[in-house]
Structure formats: C-alpha cells, structure tokens
Amino acid sequence: MERYCDIIPHATGWVYVIDGVQSASCYHTYDLAMDAAKAHIARSMGAKDKIFRRQALNGEMLPVSVIARGQAGAIPRSPLSQ
C-alpha cells in the first residue's frame, strides 16, 4: 500500500498532509512546507515508503521528486531565490 505526504495550498500559505492528517502549522512557502514534512517523517516514521505529492491548479495530486539539499545531483539555489 502506498502512503502519501501531500503538500497543498492553504489560505495562509502551504501545509503538508501525511496519511490524511494536516500539519498543525502553516508555512509561507512551498519549500518550507516540504522541509517541515521531510523533517517530521524523518523523526517519526522513515521516508522510504512515502510518496511526496503536490496539488496542481486543477486539484490533481502530482508526484514530487524529493532530492536532499547538498547531495550530488541536487540543484543549487541561491538564498535570494527562496
């Protein structure tokens, strides 16, 4: 059975939903919500069986490729682009 972690827009920013339970906090950016979701999963359950998804404008849930920052193959970002 696939287990999901969804990053979805919220009235005040972005939230993550893990197995149907929404995060208690709202995040200003998509990246902050993704980082918080990854940290929550690492602390509580292990990410190996999670599929990360984001909500498209039409409501469809699309898979997200998760690349850890600082690893080989990660796309470098300037601090100004976040």
PDB file of N, CA and C in Angstrom:
ATOM      1  N   MET A   1       0.833  -1.184   0.000  1.00  0.00           N
ATOM      2  CA  MET A   1       0.000   0.000   0.000  1.00  0.00           C
ATOM      3  C   MET A   1       0.876   1.246   0.000  1.00  0.00           C
ATOM      4  N   GLU A   2       0.551   2.179  -0.864  1.00  0.00           N
ATOM      5  CA  GLU A   2       1.312   3.421  -0.941  1.00  0.00           C
ATOM      6  C   GLU A   2       0.841   4.376   0.141  1.00  0.00           C
ATOM      7  N   ARG A   3       1.794   5.073   0.738  1.00  0.00           N
ATOM      8  CA  ARG A   3       1.475   6.066   1.757  1.00  0.00           C
ATOM      9  C   ARG A   3       1.959   7.416   1.247  1.00  0.00           C
ATOM     10  N   TYR A   4       1.138   8.444   1.452  1.00  0.00           N
ATOM     11  CA  TYR A   4       1.382   9.739   0.828  1.00  0.00           C
ATOM     12  C   TYR A   4       1.692  10.833   1.829  1.00  0.00           C
ATOM     13  N   CYS A   5       2.490  11.781   1.359  1.00  0.00           N
ATOM     14  CA  CYS A   5       2.709  13.049   2.033  1.00  0.00           C
ATOM     15  C   CYS A   5       2.401  14.116   0.993  1.00  0.00           C
ATOM     16  N   ASP A   6       1.308  14.845   1.210  1.00  0.00           N
ATOM     17  CA  ASP A   6       0.864  15.849   0.238  1.00  0.00           C
ATOM     18  C   ASP A   6       1.210  17.251   0.718  1.00  0.00           C
ATOM     19  N   ILE A   7       1.711  18.068  -0.197  1.00  0.00           N
ATOM     20  CA  ILE A   7       1.968  19.482   0.066  1.00  0.00           C
ATOM     21  C   ILE A   7       0.878  20.242  -0.685  1.00  0.00           C
ATOM     22  N   ILE A   8       0.028  20.951   0.069  1.00  0.00           N
ATOM     23  CA  ILE A   8      -1.125  21.586  -0.565  1.00  0.00           C
ATOM     24  C   ILE A   8      -1.234  23.048  -0.156  1.00  0.00           C
ATOM     25  N   PRO A   9      -1.822  23.878  -1.040  1.00  0.00           N
ATOM     26  CA  PRO A   9      -2.016  25.288  -0.698  1.00  0.00           C
ATOM     27  C   PRO A   9      -3.073  25.430   0.393  1.00  0.00           C
ATOM     28  N   HIS A  10      -2.891  26.459   1.196  1.00  0.00           N
ATOM     29  CA  HIS A  10      -3.799  26.776   2.302  1.00  0.00           C
ATOM     30  C   HIS A  10      -4.082  28.266   2.219  1.00  0.00           C
ATOM     31  N   ALA A  11      -5.122  28.725   2.841  1.00  0.00           N
ATOM     32  CA  ALA A  11      -5.495  30.142   2.767  1.00  0.00           C
ATOM     33  C   ALA A  11      -4.358  31.070   3.204  1.00  0.00           C
ATOM     34  N   THR A  12      -3.495  30.604   4.101  1.00  0.00           N
ATOM     35  CA  THR A  12      -2.412  31.461   4.601  1.00  0.00           C
ATOM     36  C   THR A  12      -1.026  30.979   4.188  1.00  0.00           C
ATOM     37  N   GLY A  13      -0.940  30.069   3.228  1.00  0.00           N
ATOM     38  CA  GLY A  13       0.361  29.581   2.771  1.00  0.00           C
ATOM     39  C   GLY A  13       0.270  28.146   2.285  1.00  0.00           C
ATOM     40  N   TRP A  14       1.103  27.271   2.862  1.00  0.00           N
ATOM     41  CA  TRP A  14       1.170  25.860   2.474  1.00  0.00           C
ATOM     42  C   TRP A  14       1.133  24.986   3.713  1.00  0.00           C
ATOM     43  N   VAL A  15       0.544  23.803   3.602  1.00  0.00           N
ATOM     44  CA  VAL A  15       0.545  22.807   4.673  1.00  0.00           C
ATOM     45  C   VAL A  15       0.930  21.464   4.080  1.00  0.00           C
ATOM     46  N   TYR A  16       1.323  20.548   4.947  1.00  0.00           N
ATOM     47  CA  TYR A  16       1.524  19.178   4.490  1.00  0.00           C
ATOM     48  C   TYR A  16       0.475  18.296   5.153  1.00  0.00           C
ATOM     49  N   VAL A  17       0.101  17.244   4.446  1.00  0.00           N
ATOM     50  CA  VAL A  17      -0.872  16.278   4.937  1.00  0.00           C
ATOM     51  C   VAL A  17      -0.232  14.901   4.816  1.00  0.00           C
ATOM     52  N   ILE A  18      -0.051  14.236   5.962  1.00  0.00           N
ATOM     53  CA  ILE A  18       0.560  12.913   5.982  1.00  0.00           C
ATOM     54  C   ILE A  18      -0.505  11.913   6.393  1.00  0.00           C
ATOM     55  N   ASP A  19      -0.799  10.998   5.505  1.00  0.00           N
ATOM     56  CA  ASP A  19      -1.807   9.962   5.758  1.00  0.00           C
ATOM     57  C   ASP A  19      -3.123  10.557   6.250  1.00  0.00           C
ATOM     58  N   GLY A  20      -3.527  11.676   5.650  1.00  0.00           N
ATOM     59  CA  GLY A  20      -4.807  12.289   5.962  1.00  0.00           C
ATOM     60  C   GLY A  20      -4.804  13.255   7.126  1.00  0.00           C
ATOM     61  N   VAL A  21      -3.662  13.455   7.787  1.00  0.00           N
ATOM     62  CA  VAL A  21      -3.582  14.358   8.933  1.00  0.00           C
ATOM     63  C   VAL A  21      -2.799  15.608   8.529  1.00  0.00           C
ATOM     64  N   GLN A  22      -3.446  16.772   8.645  1.00  0.00           N
ATOM     65  CA  GLN A  22      -2.830  18.042   8.251  1.00  0.00           C
ATOM     66  C   GLN A  22      -1.863  18.532   9.317  1.00  0.00           C
ATOM     67  N   SER A  23      -0.785  19.179   8.864  1.00  0.00           N
ATOM     68  CA  SER A  23       0.191  19.752   9.795  1.00  0.00           C
ATOM     69  C   SER A  23      -0.476  20.815  10.664  1.00  0.00           C
ATOM     70  N   ALA A  24       0.014  20.949  11.887  1.00  0.00           N
ATOM     71  CA  ALA A  24      -0.540  21.935  12.815  1.00  0.00           C
ATOM     72  C   ALA A  24      -0.166  23.350  12.399  1.00  0.00           C
ATOM     73  N   SER A  25       0.947  23.478  11.703  1.00  0.00           N
ATOM     74  CA  SER A  25       1.432  24.798  11.286  1.00  0.00           C
ATOM     75  C   SER A  25       1.189  25.021   9.805  1.00  0.00           C
ATOM     76  N   CYS A  26       1.141  26.289   9.426  1.00  0.00           N
ATOM     77  CA  CYS A  26       1.056  26.700   8.024  1.00  0.00           C
ATOM     78  C   CYS A  26       2.385  27.356   7.675  1.00  0.00           C
ATOM     79  N   TYR A  27       2.890  27.123   6.466  1.00  0.00           N
ATOM     80  CA  TYR A  27       4.201  27.621   6.070  1.00  0.00           C
ATOM     81  C   TYR A  27       4.061  28.637   4.942  1.00  0.00           C
ATOM     82  N   HIS A  28       4.911  29.653   4.967  1.00  0.00           N
ATOM     83  CA  HIS A  28       4.818  30.750   3.997  1.00  0.00           C
ATOM     84  C   HIS A  28       5.141  30.318   2.575  1.00  0.00           C
ATOM     85  N   THR A  29       6.022  29.326   2.434  1.00  0.00           N
ATOM     86  CA  THR A  29       6.424  28.888   1.096  1.00  0.00           C
ATOM     87  C   THR A  29       6.284  27.376   0.953  1.00  0.00           C
ATOM     88  N   TYR A  30       6.208  26.946  -0.283  1.00  0.00           N
ATOM     89  CA  TYR A  30       6.156  25.517  -0.596  1.00  0.00           C
ATOM     90  C   TYR A  30       7.396  24.809  -0.056  1.00  0.00           C
ATOM     91  N   ASP A  31       8.573  25.424  -0.249  1.00  0.00           N
ATOM     92  CA  ASP A  31       9.827  24.811   0.201  1.00  0.00           C
ATOM     93  C   ASP A  31       9.851  24.611   1.712  1.00  0.00           C
ATOM     94  N   LEU A  32       9.348  25.583   2.465  1.00  0.00           N
ATOM     95  CA  LEU A  32       9.299  25.437   3.924  1.00  0.00           C
ATOM     96  C   LEU A  32       8.376  24.291   4.331  1.00  0.00           C
ATOM     97  N   ALA A  33       7.245  24.165   3.659  1.00  0.00           N
ATOM     98  CA  ALA A  33       6.319  23.069   3.957  1.00  0.00           C
ATOM     99  C   ALA A  33       6.951  21.725   3.629  1.00  0.00           C
ATOM    100  N   MET A  34       7.652  21.634   2.510  1.00  0.00           N
ATOM    101  CA  MET A  34       8.325  20.391   2.129  1.00  0.00           C
ATOM    102  C   MET A  34       9.412  20.032   3.132  1.00  0.00           C
ATOM    103  N   ASP A  35      10.214  21.014   3.539  1.00  0.00           N
ATOM    104  CA  ASP A  35      11.270  20.759   4.520  1.00  0.00           C
ATOM    105  C   ASP A  35      10.688  20.289   5.846  1.00  0.00           C
ATOM    106  N   ALA A  36       9.597  20.915   6.280  1.00  0.00           N
ATOM    107  CA  ALA A  36       8.955  20.521   7.540  1.00  0.00           C
ATOM    108  C   ALA A  36       8.391  19.103   7.437  1.00  0.00           C
ATOM    109  N   ALA A  37       7.798  18.770   6.300  1.00  0.00           N
ATOM    110  CA  ALA A  37       7.251  17.420   6.108  1.00  0.00           C
ATOM    111  C   ALA A  37       8.363  16.377   6.136  1.00  0.00           C
ATOM    112  N   LYS A  38       9.473  16.656   5.455  1.00  0.00           N
ATOM    113  CA  LYS A  38      10.597  15.715   5.446  1.00  0.00           C
ATOM    114  C   LYS A  38      11.152  15.532   6.854  1.00  0.00           C
ATOM    115  N   ALA A  39      11.264  16.630   7.618  1.00  0.00           N
ATOM    116  CA  ALA A  39      11.768  16.537   8.986  1.00  0.00           C
ATOM    117  C   ALA A  39      10.816  15.735   9.871  1.00  0.00           C
ATOM    118  N   HIS A  40       9.521  15.963   9.724  1.00  0.00           N
ATOM    119  CA  HIS A  40       8.526  15.233  10.512  1.00  0.00           C
ATOM    120  C   HIS A  40       8.598  13.733  10.218  1.00  0.00           C
ATOM    121  N   ILE A  41       8.695  13.385   8.956  1.00  0.00           N
ATOM    122  CA  ILE A  41       8.768  11.979   8.563  1.00  0.00           C
ATOM    123  C   ILE A  41      10.056  11.340   9.067  1.00  0.00           C
ATOM    124  N   ALA A  42      11.168  12.057   8.970  1.00  0.00           N
ATOM    125  CA  ALA A  42      12.447  11.521   9.439  1.00  0.00           C
ATOM    126  C   ALA A  42      12.409  11.250  10.938  1.00  0.00           C
ATOM    127  N   ARG A  43      11.744  12.130  11.689  1.00  0.00           N
ATOM    128  CA  ARG A  43      11.647  11.946  13.140  1.00  0.00           C
ATOM    129  C   ARG A  43      10.717  10.813  13.523  1.00  0.00           C
ATOM    130  N   SER A  44       9.633  10.647  12.789  1.00  0.00           N
ATOM    131  CA  SER A  44       8.587   9.759  13.273  1.00  0.00           C
ATOM    132  C   SER A  44       8.434   8.432  12.550  1.00  0.00           C
ATOM    133  N   MET A  45       8.745   8.365  11.258  1.00  0.00           N
ATOM    134  CA  MET A  45       8.393   7.121  10.579  1.00  0.00           C
ATOM    135  C   MET A  45       9.334   6.647   9.497  1.00  0.00           C
ATOM    136  N   GLY A  46      10.250   7.419   9.034  1.00  0.00           N
ATOM    137  CA  GLY A  46      11.126   6.988   7.944  1.00  0.00           C
ATOM    138  C   GLY A  46      10.473   7.229   6.596  1.00  0.00           C
ATOM    139  N   ALA A  47      11.211   7.827   5.668  1.00  0.00           N
ATOM    140  CA  ALA A  47      10.638   8.280   4.398  1.00  0.00           C
ATOM    141  C   ALA A  47      10.682   7.230   3.296  1.00  0.00           C
ATOM    142  N   LYS A  48      11.205   6.063   3.572  1.00  0.00           N
ATOM    143  CA  LYS A  48      11.400   5.113   2.483  1.00  0.00           C
ATOM    144  C   LYS A  48      10.104   4.649   1.830  1.00  0.00           C
ATOM    145  N   ASP A  49       8.999   4.672   2.557  1.00  0.00           N
ATOM    146  CA  ASP A  49       7.747   4.197   1.980  1.00  0.00           C
ATOM    147  C   ASP A  49       6.765   5.322   1.683  1.00  0.00           C
ATOM    148  N   LYS A  50       7.218   6.566   1.732  1.00  0.00           N
ATOM    149  CA  LYS A  50       6.350   7.717   1.478  1.00  0.00           C
ATOM    150  C   LYS A  50       6.490   8.183   0.033  1.00  0.00           C
ATOM    151  N   ILE A  51       5.377   8.593  -0.528  1.00  0.00           N
ATOM    152  CA  ILE A  51       5.359   9.218  -1.842  1.00  0.00           C
ATOM    153  C   ILE A  51       4.944  10.670  -1.632  1.00  0.00           C
ATOM    154  N   PHE A  52       5.821  11.598  -1.995  1.00  0.00           N
ATOM    155  CA  PHE A  52       5.518  13.021  -1.857  1.00  0.00           C
ATOM    156  C   PHE A  52       4.729  13.477  -3.080  1.00  0.00           C
ATOM    157  N   ARG A  53       3.687  14.259  -2.828  1.00  0.00           N
ATOM    158  CA  ARG A  53       2.865  14.801  -3.922  1.00  0.00           C
ATOM    159  C   ARG A  53       2.576  16.270  -3.648  1.00  0.00           C
ATOM    160  N   ARG A  54       2.264  16.986  -4.728  1.00  0.00           N
ATOM    161  CA  ARG A  54       1.825  18.376  -4.608  1.00  0.00           C
ATOM    162  C   ARG A  54       0.516  18.528  -5.364  1.00  0.00           C
ATOM    163  N   GLN A  55      -0.262  19.519  -4.974  1.00  0.00           N
ATOM    164  CA  GLN A  55      -1.552  19.726  -5.625  1.00  0.00           C
ATOM    165  C   GLN A  55      -1.400  20.694  -6.785  1.00  0.00           C
ATOM    166  N   ALA A  56      -1.817  20.259  -7.968  1.00  0.00           N
ATOM    167  CA  ALA A  56      -1.776  21.110  -9.157  1.00  0.00           C
ATOM    168  C   ALA A  56      -2.960  22.081  -9.130  1.00  0.00           C
ATOM    169  N   LEU A  57      -2.961  23.034 -10.027  1.00  0.00           N
ATOM    170  CA  LEU A  57      -4.031  24.029 -10.082  1.00  0.00           C
ATOM    171  C   LEU A  57      -5.399  23.413 -10.352  1.00  0.00           C
ATOM    172  N   ASN A  58      -5.406  22.283 -11.042  1.00  0.00           N
ATOM    173  CA  ASN A  58      -6.688  21.620 -11.335  1.00  0.00           C
ATOM    174  C   ASN A  58      -7.118  20.671 -10.216  1.00  0.00           C
ATOM    175  N   GLY A  59      -6.370  20.618  -9.114  1.00  0.00           N
ATOM    176  CA  GLY A  59      -6.710  19.779  -7.976  1.00  0.00           C
ATOM    177  C   GLY A  59      -6.064  18.407  -7.997  1.00  0.00           C
ATOM    178  N   GLU A  60      -5.462  18.033  -9.123  1.00  0.00           N
ATOM    179  CA  GLU A  60      -4.829  16.724  -9.246  1.00  0.00           C
ATOM    180  C   GLU A  60      -3.574  16.667  -8.370  1.00  0.00           C
ATOM    181  N   MET A  61      -3.333  15.513  -7.742  1.00  0.00           N
ATOM    182  CA  MET A  61      -2.141  15.319  -6.918  1.00  0.00           C
ATOM    183  C   MET A  61      -1.044  14.718  -7.795  1.00  0.00           C
ATOM    184  N   LEU A  62       0.065  15.444  -7.927  1.00  0.00           N
ATOM    185  CA  LEU A  62       1.174  15.036  -8.784  1.00  0.00           C
ATOM    186  C   LEU A  62       2.367  14.611  -7.944  1.00  0.00           C
ATOM    187  N   PRO A  63       3.061  13.535  -8.320  1.00  0.00           N
ATOM    188  CA  PRO A  63       4.238  13.104  -7.559  1.00  0.00           C
ATOM    189  C   PRO A  63       5.356  14.139  -7.640  1.00  0.00           C
ATOM    190  N   VAL A  64       6.120  14.231  -6.556  1.00  0.00           N
ATOM    191  CA  VAL A  64       7.236  15.170  -6.466  1.00  0.00           C
ATOM    192  C   VAL A  64       8.508  14.359  -6.281  1.00  0.00           C
ATOM    193  N   SER A  65       9.534  14.690  -7.044  1.00  0.00           N
ATOM    194  CA  SER A  65      10.834  14.069  -6.857  1.00  0.00           C
ATOM    195  C   SER A  65      11.537  14.805  -5.729  1.00  0.00           C
ATOM    196  N   VAL A  66      11.875  14.080  -4.660  1.00  0.00           N
ATOM    197  CA  VAL A  66      12.498  14.697  -3.495  1.00  0.00           C
ATOM    198  C   VAL A  66      13.989  14.454  -3.558  1.00  0.00           C
ATOM    199  N   ILE A  67      14.767  15.532  -3.634  1.00  0.00           N
ATOM    200  CA  ILE A  67      16.221  15.457  -3.646  1.00  0.00           C
ATOM    201  C   ILE A  67      16.710  16.218  -2.429  1.00  0.00           C
ATOM    202  N   ALA A  68      17.490  15.560  -1.603  1.00  0.00           N
ATOM    203  CA  ALA A  68      18.023  16.218  -0.403  1.00  0.00           C
ATOM    204  C   ALA A  68      18.997  17.306  -0.824  1.00  0.00           C
ATOM    205  N   ARG A  69      18.914  18.431  -0.156  1.00  0.00           N
ATOM    206  CA  ARG A  69      19.834  19.532  -0.461  1.00  0.00           C
ATOM    207  C   ARG A  69      21.245  19.153  -0.058  1.00  0.00           C
ATOM    208  N   GLY A  70      22.196  19.553  -0.892  1.00  0.00           N
ATOM    209  CA  GLY A  70      23.590  19.302  -0.588  1.00  0.00           C
ATOM    210  C   GLY A  70      24.110  17.962  -1.088  1.00  0.00           C
ATOM    211  N   GLN A  71      23.243  17.108  -1.619  1.00  0.00           N
ATOM    212  CA  GLN A  71      23.710  15.831  -2.141  1.00  0.00           C
ATOM    213  C   GLN A  71      24.058  15.993  -3.611  1.00  0.00           C
ATOM    214  N   ALA A  72      24.850  15.052  -4.102  1.00  0.00           N
ATOM    215  CA  ALA A  72      25.198  15.069  -5.519  1.00  0.00           C
ATOM    216  C   ALA A  72      23.926  15.004  -6.344  1.00  0.00           C
ATOM    217  N   GLY A  73      23.838  15.833  -7.343  1.00  0.00           N
ATOM    218  CA  GLY A  73      22.659  15.849  -8.189  1.00  0.00           C
ATOM    219  C   GLY A  73      21.612  16.871  -7.748  1.00  0.00           C
ATOM    220  N   ALA A  74      21.783  17.436  -6.570  1.00  0.00           N
ATOM    221  CA  ALA A  74      20.827  18.444  -6.107  1.00  0.00           C
ATOM    222  C   ALA A  74      21.046  19.729  -6.889  1.00  0.00           C
ATOM    223  N   ILE A  75      19.985  20.432  -7.139  1.00  0.00           N
ATOM    224  CA  ILE A  75      20.064  21.688  -7.877  1.00  0.00           C
ATOM    225  C   ILE A  75      20.426  22.801  -6.906  1.00  0.00           C
ATOM    226  N   PRO A  76      21.575  23.456  -7.098  1.00  0.00           N
ATOM    227  CA  PRO A  76      21.954  24.527  -6.176  1.00  0.00           C
ATOM    228  C   PRO A  76      21.018  25.724  -6.330  1.00  0.00           C
ATOM    229  N   ARG A  77      20.693  26.355  -5.231  1.00  0.00           N
ATOM    230  CA  ARG A  77      19.839  27.546  -5.236  1.00  0.00           C
ATOM    231  C   ARG A  77      20.539  28.671  -4.522  1.00  0.00           C
ATOM    232  N   SER A  78      20.316  29.846  -5.018  1.00  0.00           N
ATOM    233  CA  SER A  78      20.857  30.995  -4.287  1.00  0.00           C
ATOM    234  C   SER A  78      19.871  31.341  -3.185  1.00  0.00           C
ATOM    235  N   PRO A  79      20.335  31.922  -2.081  1.00  0.00           N
ATOM    236  CA  PRO A  79      19.425  32.284  -0.987  1.00  0.00           C
ATOM    237  C   PRO A  79      18.345  33.273  -1.430  1.00  0.00           C
ATOM    238  N   LEU A  80      18.598  34.016  -2.493  1.00  0.00           N
ATOM    239  CA  LEU A  80      17.623  35.008  -2.964  1.00  0.00           C
ATOM    240  C   LEU A  80      16.454  34.372  -3.706  1.00  0.00           C
ATOM    241  N   SER A  81      16.617  33.143  -4.193  1.00  0.00           N
ATOM    242  CA  SER A  81      15.548  32.502  -4.965  1.00  0.00           C
ATOM    243  C   SER A  81      14.522  31.807  -4.085  1.00  0.00           C
ATOM    244  N   GLN A  82      14.719  31.795  -2.782  1.00  0.00           N
ATOM    245  CA  GLN A  82      13.780  31.089  -1.910  1.00  0.00           C
ATOM    246  C   GLN A  82      12.789  32.003  -1.277  1.00  0.00           C
TER     247      GLN A  82
END
